[in-house]
């Protein structure tokens, strides 16, 4: 599924370092502000230990992870909405993403100067939010002008749109994000075509120094205090450590490195899984001797739609889905054991696929 997470933040916060840890594509890191002139796009494997548990019960030739696209968007700054630091282009790149990973600098480094002269992640967060809010305000005001013309021409629906957009305009003028404004589902149609930047869900990543990788630091606490009461996930990642781990080829070496750092797994693995959840995605599996594969679907998809993710012919000719639950399969040990225990189900077109389902699609084209 072509869904993207954008990595955003001001310049020199470690966005590209974190991007390089998780992506097959590598971006250039630098200590100079505004040196990047384009966004980096990479494909990221979604870590899922369930694939290797499945392999214990079904010998297979290969394991295939599901993936998500990550876009590393060069740093923003005050005035980006007016083109500062080629900001307008980067704001357009943000508009094309489905969700955002906002990286905040929570470390001191005299060799990496902060563009504003001091480290203050809350100020940086507010800077980026303001730039996005200003751009969203422009979009709302342009549409308001069109609706006002339509209203004067007698369009009754336009009057409702003016009321809804007026609430968004007031919201932005009070330095608030679109995602925090409570609106009814039927009112969303007036803003859906605007692809508002501050409507996108966000994960905040506090990029810390090596010594703060486990328990964070005062910068992290300041961010958490500022975001208290908001429905946003805050992750703590030491970008420098993560980049060293990513360069190790041996699983044993990575495990030893993590243990020395006091970590149970790479922080970027938690980030990728969090981004996957934020996009409202889930995974189903196909299991066989040639391949065990994870497939991505949106939460709430029915069996024929899930079949279409594998191949359009499977959706077009869908007959039924043979379903085993992941927990049943790894607990009982085989498809035969699931059948014997009554844990092998035949489902039709209205079956809603659960996360972790193991599917075999029957079809006829």
Protein backbone atom coordinates (compact mmCIF):
# COMPACT_ATOMS: atom_id res chain seq x y z
CA UNK A 1 0.00 0.00 0.00
CA UNK A 2 1.45 3.35 -1.04
CA UNK A 3 1.34 5.14 2.31
CA UNK A 4 4.06 7.49 3.50
CA UNK A 5 5.33 8.84 6.81
CA UNK A 6 7.23 12.11 6.60
CA UNK A 7 10.13 12.86 8.96
CA UNK A 8 10.02 16.58 9.80
CA UNK A 9 11.71 19.04 12.14
CA UNK A 10 13.95 22.07 12.04
CA UNK A 11 17.42 21.77 10.55
CA UNK A 12 20.23 19.92 12.40
CA UNK A 13 18.05 17.83 14.73
CA UNK A 14 19.14 14.40 13.42
CA UNK A 15 16.26 13.60 11.04
CA UNK A 16 18.49 12.17 8.32
CA UNK A 17 20.56 10.19 10.84
CA UNK A 18 17.40 8.45 12.04
CA UNK A 19 16.17 8.04 8.44
CA UNK A 20 19.45 6.32 7.52
CA UNK A 21 19.04 3.87 10.42
CA UNK A 22 15.75 2.51 9.13
CA UNK A 23 15.79 3.04 5.37
CA UNK A 24 17.33 1.08 2.50
CA UNK A 25 18.05 4.48 0.90
CA UNK A 26 20.67 6.64 2.59
CA UNK A 27 20.58 10.42 2.81
CA UNK A 28 23.57 12.73 3.28
CA UNK A 29 24.06 14.13 6.77
CA UNK A 30 25.71 17.52 7.32
CA UNK A 31 26.27 20.13 10.01
CA UNK A 32 25.25 22.95 7.68
CA UNK A 33 21.74 24.37 7.71
CA UNK A 34 19.64 24.33 4.50
CA UNK A 35 22.25 22.25 2.62
CA UNK A 36 19.63 19.75 1.45
CA UNK A 37 17.56 20.74 -1.57
CA UNK A 38 15.31 17.69 -1.88
CA UNK A 39 13.61 15.09 0.27
CA UNK A 40 14.93 11.53 0.61
CA UNK A 41 12.47 8.67 0.08
CA UNK A 42 13.15 5.22 1.49
CA UNK A 43 11.41 1.87 1.95
CA UNK A 44 11.46 0.55 5.51
CA UNK A 45 10.90 -3.03 6.64
CA UNK A 46 8.39 -3.27 9.49
CA UNK A 47 9.99 -5.37 12.27
CA UNK A 48 7.69 -8.28 13.15
CA UNK A 49 9.05 -11.15 15.27
CA UNK A 50 5.89 -13.15 14.51
CA UNK A 51 7.35 -14.03 11.10
CA UNK A 52 10.18 -15.96 12.75
CA UNK A 53 7.79 -17.70 15.15
CA UNK A 54 5.79 -18.87 12.15
CA UNK A 55 8.97 -20.21 10.56
CA UNK A 56 9.45 -22.51 13.57
CA UNK A 57 6.29 -24.37 12.55
CA UNK A 58 6.55 -24.10 8.76
CA UNK A 59 9.90 -24.59 7.02
CA UNK A 60 10.11 -22.03 4.23
CA UNK A 61 12.50 -20.77 1.56
CA UNK A 62 12.23 -17.12 2.52
CA UNK A 63 10.63 -14.60 4.87
CA UNK A 64 9.24 -11.35 3.49
CA UNK A 65 8.50 -8.38 5.76
CA UNK A 66 5.85 -5.82 4.98
CA UNK A 67 7.12 -2.30 4.31
CA UNK A 68 6.20 1.37 4.68
CA UNK A 69 7.62 4.40 2.86
CA UNK A 70 9.46 7.05 4.87
CA UNK A 71 10.23 10.52 3.48
CA UNK A 72 13.08 12.50 5.06
CA UNK A 73 12.04 16.13 4.53
CA UNK A 74 14.86 18.72 4.89
CA UNK A 75 14.74 21.04 7.88
CA UNK A 76 12.17 23.76 8.28
CA UNK A 77 12.73 27.16 9.84
CA UNK A 78 10.85 30.33 10.66
CA UNK A 79 9.53 31.72 7.41
CA UNK A 80 9.29 28.36 5.61
CA UNK A 81 5.72 29.21 4.66
CA UNK A 82 7.16 32.18 2.73
CA UNK A 83 9.85 30.10 1.03
CA UNK A 84 12.70 30.53 3.54
CA UNK A 85 15.22 27.70 3.12
CA UNK A 86 13.28 26.62 0.01
CA UNK A 87 10.55 25.96 2.56
CA UNK A 88 7.57 26.03 0.22
CA UNK A 89 8.83 22.94 -1.62
CA UNK A 90 9.31 21.08 1.65
CA UNK A 91 5.84 22.05 2.86
CA UNK A 92 4.46 20.57 -0.37
CA UNK A 93 6.35 17.34 0.36
CA UNK A 94 4.72 17.24 3.82
CA UNK A 95 1.30 17.66 2.23
CA UNK A 96 1.84 14.47 0.22
CA UNK A 97 2.45 12.31 3.31
CA UNK A 98 -0.16 10.45 5.36
CA UNK A 99 1.41 10.93 8.81
CA UNK A 100 4.35 12.72 10.39
CA UNK A 101 7.35 11.83 12.55
CA UNK A 102 8.48 15.07 14.21
CA UNK A 103 12.10 14.81 15.37
CA UNK A 104 13.14 17.16 18.18
CA UNK A 105 16.70 17.91 19.19
CA UNK A 106 17.15 16.91 22.84
CA UNK A 107 20.94 16.85 23.03
CA UNK A 108 23.81 19.33 23.38
CA UNK A 109 26.69 19.36 20.89
CA UNK A 110 28.97 22.38 20.48
CA UNK A 111 30.17 21.00 17.14
CA UNK A 112 26.63 21.02 15.76
CA UNK A 113 25.33 24.56 16.21
CA UNK A 114 21.60 25.09 16.67
CA UNK A 115 20.08 27.41 14.09
CA UNK A 116 18.48 29.50 16.88
CA UNK A 117 21.60 29.57 19.06
CA UNK A 118 20.41 27.28 21.86
CA UNK A 119 18.78 23.90 22.38
CA UNK A 120 15.07 24.17 23.22
CA UNK A 121 12.91 21.35 21.79
CA UNK A 122 9.62 22.94 22.87
CA UNK A 123 10.50 26.15 21.02
CA UNK A 124 11.49 24.09 17.97
CA UNK A 125 8.19 22.19 18.12
CA UNK A 126 6.28 25.47 18.25
CA UNK A 127 8.31 26.85 15.33
CA UNK A 128 7.38 23.95 13.06
CA UNK A 129 3.75 23.94 14.23
CA UNK A 130 3.45 27.65 13.46
CA UNK A 131 4.81 27.23 9.94
CA UNK A 132 2.31 24.46 9.24
CA UNK A 133 -0.54 26.40 10.83
CA UNK A 134 0.17 29.48 8.69
CA UNK A 135 0.12 27.35 5.55
CA UNK A 136 -3.14 25.71 6.61
CA UNK A 137 -4.64 29.12 7.35
CA UNK A 138 -3.81 30.20 3.79
CA UNK A 139 -5.56 27.12 2.40
CA UNK A 140 -8.67 27.70 4.52
CA UNK A 141 -8.89 31.39 3.61
CA UNK A 142 -8.66 30.63 -0.13
CA UNK A 143 -11.50 28.12 0.11
CA UNK A 144 -13.55 30.52 2.24
CA UNK A 145 -13.37 33.08 -0.58
CA UNK A 146 -14.78 30.52 -3.04
CA UNK A 147 -17.56 29.46 -0.66
CA UNK A 148 -18.55 33.05 0.06
CA UNK A 149 -19.01 33.64 -3.69
CA UNK A 150 -21.08 30.44 -3.94
CA UNK A 151 -23.17 31.49 -0.94
CA UNK A 152 -23.99 34.84 -2.49
CA UNK A 153 -25.16 32.91 -5.55
CA UNK A 154 -27.63 31.02 -3.35
CA UNK A 155 -25.71 27.82 -2.55
CA UNK A 156 -27.14 26.75 0.84
CA UNK A 157 -24.46 24.09 1.39
CA UNK A 158 -21.80 26.76 1.00
CA UNK A 159 -23.18 28.54 4.08
CA UNK A 160 -22.54 25.41 6.17
CA UNK A 161 -19.04 25.19 4.73
CA UNK A 162 -18.36 28.82 5.65
CA UNK A 163 -19.34 28.12 9.26
CA UNK A 164 -17.09 25.04 9.46
CA UNK A 165 -14.10 26.71 7.79
CA UNK A 166 -14.58 29.77 9.97
CA UNK A 167 -14.00 27.58 13.02
CA UNK A 168 -10.79 26.26 11.47
CA UNK A 169 -9.64 29.81 10.68
CA UNK A 170 -10.21 30.90 14.30
CA UNK A 171 -8.45 27.75 15.49
CA UNK A 172 -5.32 28.50 13.43
CA UNK A 173 -5.32 32.14 14.48
CA UNK A 174 -5.13 30.86 18.08
CA UNK A 175 -1.96 28.88 17.19
CA UNK A 176 -3.69 25.48 17.32
CA UNK A 177 -3.49 22.43 15.05
CA UNK A 178 -6.36 21.12 12.93
CA UNK A 179 -6.12 17.66 14.51
CA UNK A 180 -7.09 19.18 17.87
CA UNK A 181 -10.34 20.77 16.63
CA UNK A 182 -13.43 18.69 17.37
CA UNK A 183 -15.67 18.46 14.32
CA UNK A 184 -18.43 16.10 13.22
CA UNK A 185 -17.74 13.44 10.62
CA UNK A 186 -20.16 15.05 8.16
CA UNK A 187 -18.26 18.36 8.47
CA UNK A 188 -14.94 16.87 7.38
CA UNK A 189 -15.97 16.98 3.73
CA UNK A 190 -15.39 20.73 3.73
CA UNK A 191 -11.67 20.33 4.58
CA UNK A 192 -10.79 16.88 3.19
CA UNK A 193 -9.79 18.36 -0.17
CA UNK A 194 -7.39 20.81 1.54
CA UNK A 195 -5.10 18.05 2.91
CA UNK A 196 -4.36 20.23 5.94
CA UNK A 197 -0.80 19.82 7.22
CA UNK A 198 -1.76 20.02 10.90
CA UNK A 199 -4.55 17.47 10.46
CA UNK A 200 -2.01 14.67 9.96
CA UNK A 201 -1.32 12.37 12.94
CA UNK A 202 2.10 12.88 14.55
CA UNK A 203 4.66 10.87 16.53
CA UNK A 204 7.24 12.97 18.39
CA UNK A 205 10.80 11.61 18.53
CA UNK A 206 13.16 13.06 21.11
CA UNK A 207 16.67 12.60 19.67
CA UNK A 208 18.92 12.36 22.74
CA UNK A 209 22.61 11.86 23.56
CA UNK A 210 24.03 8.39 24.25
CA UNK A 211 23.75 8.70 28.04
CA UNK A 212 20.04 9.55 27.83
CA UNK A 213 19.02 6.66 25.59
CA UNK A 214 17.30 4.68 28.35
CA UNK A 215 15.75 7.23 30.70
CA UNK A 216 15.72 10.47 28.71
CA UNK A 217 16.79 13.87 30.06
CA UNK A 218 15.34 17.27 31.09
CA UNK A 219 14.78 18.20 27.43
CA UNK A 220 12.59 15.11 27.01
CA UNK A 221 10.64 15.92 30.18
CA UNK A 222 10.00 19.44 28.89
CA UNK A 223 8.54 18.01 25.66
CA UNK A 224 6.32 15.56 27.56
CA UNK A 225 5.08 18.33 29.85
CA UNK A 226 4.25 20.53 26.86
CA UNK A 227 2.33 17.72 25.11
CA UNK A 228 0.54 16.53 28.26
CA UNK A 229 -3.13 15.96 27.59
CA UNK A 230 -2.63 15.50 23.85
CA UNK A 231 -3.11 12.13 22.18
CA UNK A 232 0.42 11.90 20.76
CA UNK A 233 3.10 9.26 21.23
CA UNK A 234 6.54 10.45 22.38
CA UNK A 235 9.55 8.19 21.73
CA UNK A 236 13.10 8.60 23.00
CA UNK A 237 15.83 7.62 20.50
CA UNK A 238 19.60 8.16 20.63
CA UNK A 239 20.32 8.75 16.95
CA UNK A 240 24.10 8.39 17.30
CA UNK A 241 23.78 4.96 18.96
CA UNK A 242 21.15 3.84 16.47
CA UNK A 243 23.43 4.72 13.54
CA UNK A 244 26.22 2.60 15.02
CA UNK A 245 23.85 -0.34 15.57
CA UNK A 246 22.58 -0.07 12.00
CA UNK A 247 26.13 -0.49 10.65
CA UNK A 248 26.69 -3.81 12.45
CA UNK A 249 26.11 -6.82 10.20
CA UNK A 250 26.06 -9.54 12.87
CA UNK A 251 22.88 -10.10 14.92
CA UNK A 252 25.07 -11.15 17.86
CA UNK A 253 27.07 -7.92 17.66
CA UNK A 254 23.88 -5.84 17.54
CA UNK A 255 22.48 -7.70 20.54
CA UNK A 256 25.69 -7.15 22.52
CA UNK A 257 25.77 -3.45 21.57
CA UNK A 258 22.16 -3.01 22.66
CA UNK A 259 22.84 -4.77 25.96
CA UNK A 260 25.81 -2.51 26.66
CA UNK A 261 23.62 0.52 25.97
CA UNK A 262 20.89 -0.78 28.28
CA UNK A 263 18.40 -1.27 25.43
CA UNK A 264 16.25 -4.31 24.65
CA UNK A 265 15.82 -3.43 20.96
CA UNK A 266 16.77 -0.62 18.58
CA UNK A 267 14.67 2.46 19.20
CA UNK A 268 14.07 2.84 15.48
CA UNK A 269 12.25 -0.54 15.48
CA UNK A 270 9.78 0.92 17.98
CA UNK A 271 9.50 3.99 15.76
CA UNK A 272 8.66 1.99 12.63
CA UNK A 273 6.01 -0.05 14.45
CA UNK A 274 4.55 3.13 15.96
CA UNK A 275 4.41 4.75 12.51
CA UNK A 276 2.69 1.63 11.15
CA UNK A 277 0.03 1.84 13.89
CA UNK A 278 -0.37 5.57 13.37
CA UNK A 279 -1.20 4.98 9.71
CA UNK A 280 -4.00 2.67 10.98
CA UNK A 281 -2.40 -0.33 9.31
CA UNK A 282 -2.31 -3.96 10.33
CA UNK A 283 -0.76 -7.18 9.07
CA UNK A 284 -1.99 -10.53 7.86
CA UNK A 285 0.21 -13.47 6.87
CA UNK A 286 0.45 -16.07 4.14
CA UNK A 287 2.37 -19.18 5.18
CA UNK A 288 3.84 -21.88 2.95
CA UNK A 289 7.00 -23.84 2.08
CA UNK A 290 8.09 -21.31 -0.55
CA UNK A 291 7.42 -18.14 1.44
CA UNK A 292 6.15 -16.71 4.70
CA UNK A 293 5.04 -13.16 3.99
CA UNK A 294 3.52 -10.27 5.90
CA UNK A 295 0.95 -8.16 4.02
CA UNK A 296 -0.27 -4.66 4.85
CA UNK A 297 -3.93 -3.71 5.00
CA UNK A 298 -5.92 -0.87 6.52
CA UNK A 299 -7.72 -1.74 9.73
CA UNK A 300 -11.29 -2.82 9.03
CA UNK A 301 -10.67 -4.29 5.55
CA UNK A 302 -12.78 -7.24 4.49
CA UNK A 303 -11.36 -10.52 3.17
CA UNK A 304 -11.78 -9.75 -0.56
CA UNK A 305 -9.95 -6.42 -0.15
CA UNK A 306 -7.13 -8.18 1.70
CA UNK A 307 -6.98 -10.73 -1.11
CA UNK A 308 -6.64 -7.85 -3.57
CA UNK A 309 -3.49 -6.71 -1.77
CA UNK A 310 -1.90 -10.01 -2.81
CA UNK A 311 -3.20 -9.80 -6.39
CA UNK A 312 -6.16 -8.13 -8.08
CA UNK A 313 -7.26 -11.51 -9.53
CA UNK A 314 -7.75 -12.86 -6.00
CA UNK A 315 -10.16 -10.06 -5.15
CA UNK A 316 -12.00 -10.25 -8.49
CA UNK A 317 -12.50 -14.03 -8.26
CA UNK A 318 -12.78 -14.30 -4.45
CA UNK A 319 -14.70 -17.36 -3.24
CA UNK A 320 -13.70 -17.73 0.40
CA UNK A 321 -10.84 -17.24 2.87
CA UNK A 322 -9.43 -20.06 4.96
CA UNK A 323 -8.38 -18.42 8.23
CA UNK A 324 -6.20 -19.38 11.17
CA UNK A 325 -5.35 -17.06 14.03
CA UNK A 326 -1.63 -16.48 14.62
CA UNK A 327 -1.84 -17.47 18.30
CA UNK A 328 -3.66 -20.71 17.44
CA UNK A 329 -1.13 -21.64 14.77
CA UNK A 330 1.98 -21.12 16.92
CA UNK A 331 0.35 -22.70 19.98
CA UNK A 332 -1.02 -25.79 18.22
CA UNK A 333 1.92 -26.04 15.81
CA UNK A 334 0.40 -26.74 12.39
CA UNK A 335 -2.55 -26.27 10.06
CA UNK A 336 -3.58 -29.89 10.67
CA UNK A 337 -3.62 -29.33 14.45
CA UNK A 338 -5.73 -26.18 13.99
CA UNK A 339 -8.25 -28.19 11.93
CA UNK A 340 -8.35 -30.95 14.53
CA UNK A 341 -8.96 -28.40 17.30
CA UNK A 342 -11.67 -26.59 15.36
CA UNK A 343 -9.51 -23.47 14.99
CA UNK A 344 -9.53 -23.47 11.17
CA UNK A 345 -12.30 -21.24 9.83
CA UNK A 346 -13.95 -20.74 6.44
CA UNK A 347 -14.95 -17.09 5.98
CA UNK A 348 -16.88 -15.28 3.25
CA UNK A 349 -16.89 -11.84 1.66
CA UNK A 350 -18.02 -9.98 4.78
CA UNK A 351 -15.25 -11.27 7.06
CA UNK A 352 -13.19 -8.43 8.55
CA UNK A 353 -9.54 -9.45 8.69
CA UNK A 354 -7.85 -9.23 12.10
CA UNK A 355 -4.23 -8.31 12.73
CA UNK A 356 -2.17 -11.51 12.65
CA UNK A 357 -4.64 -13.60 10.67
CA UNK A 358 -3.13 -16.32 8.50
CA UNK A 359 -5.07 -16.45 5.24
CA UNK A 360 -5.35 -18.80 2.32
CA UNK A 361 -7.54 -17.36 -0.42
CA UNK A 362 -9.69 -19.56 -2.64
CA UNK A 363 -10.64 -17.88 -5.90
CA UNK A 364 -11.74 -18.53 -9.45
CA UNK A 365 -11.14 -16.19 -12.39
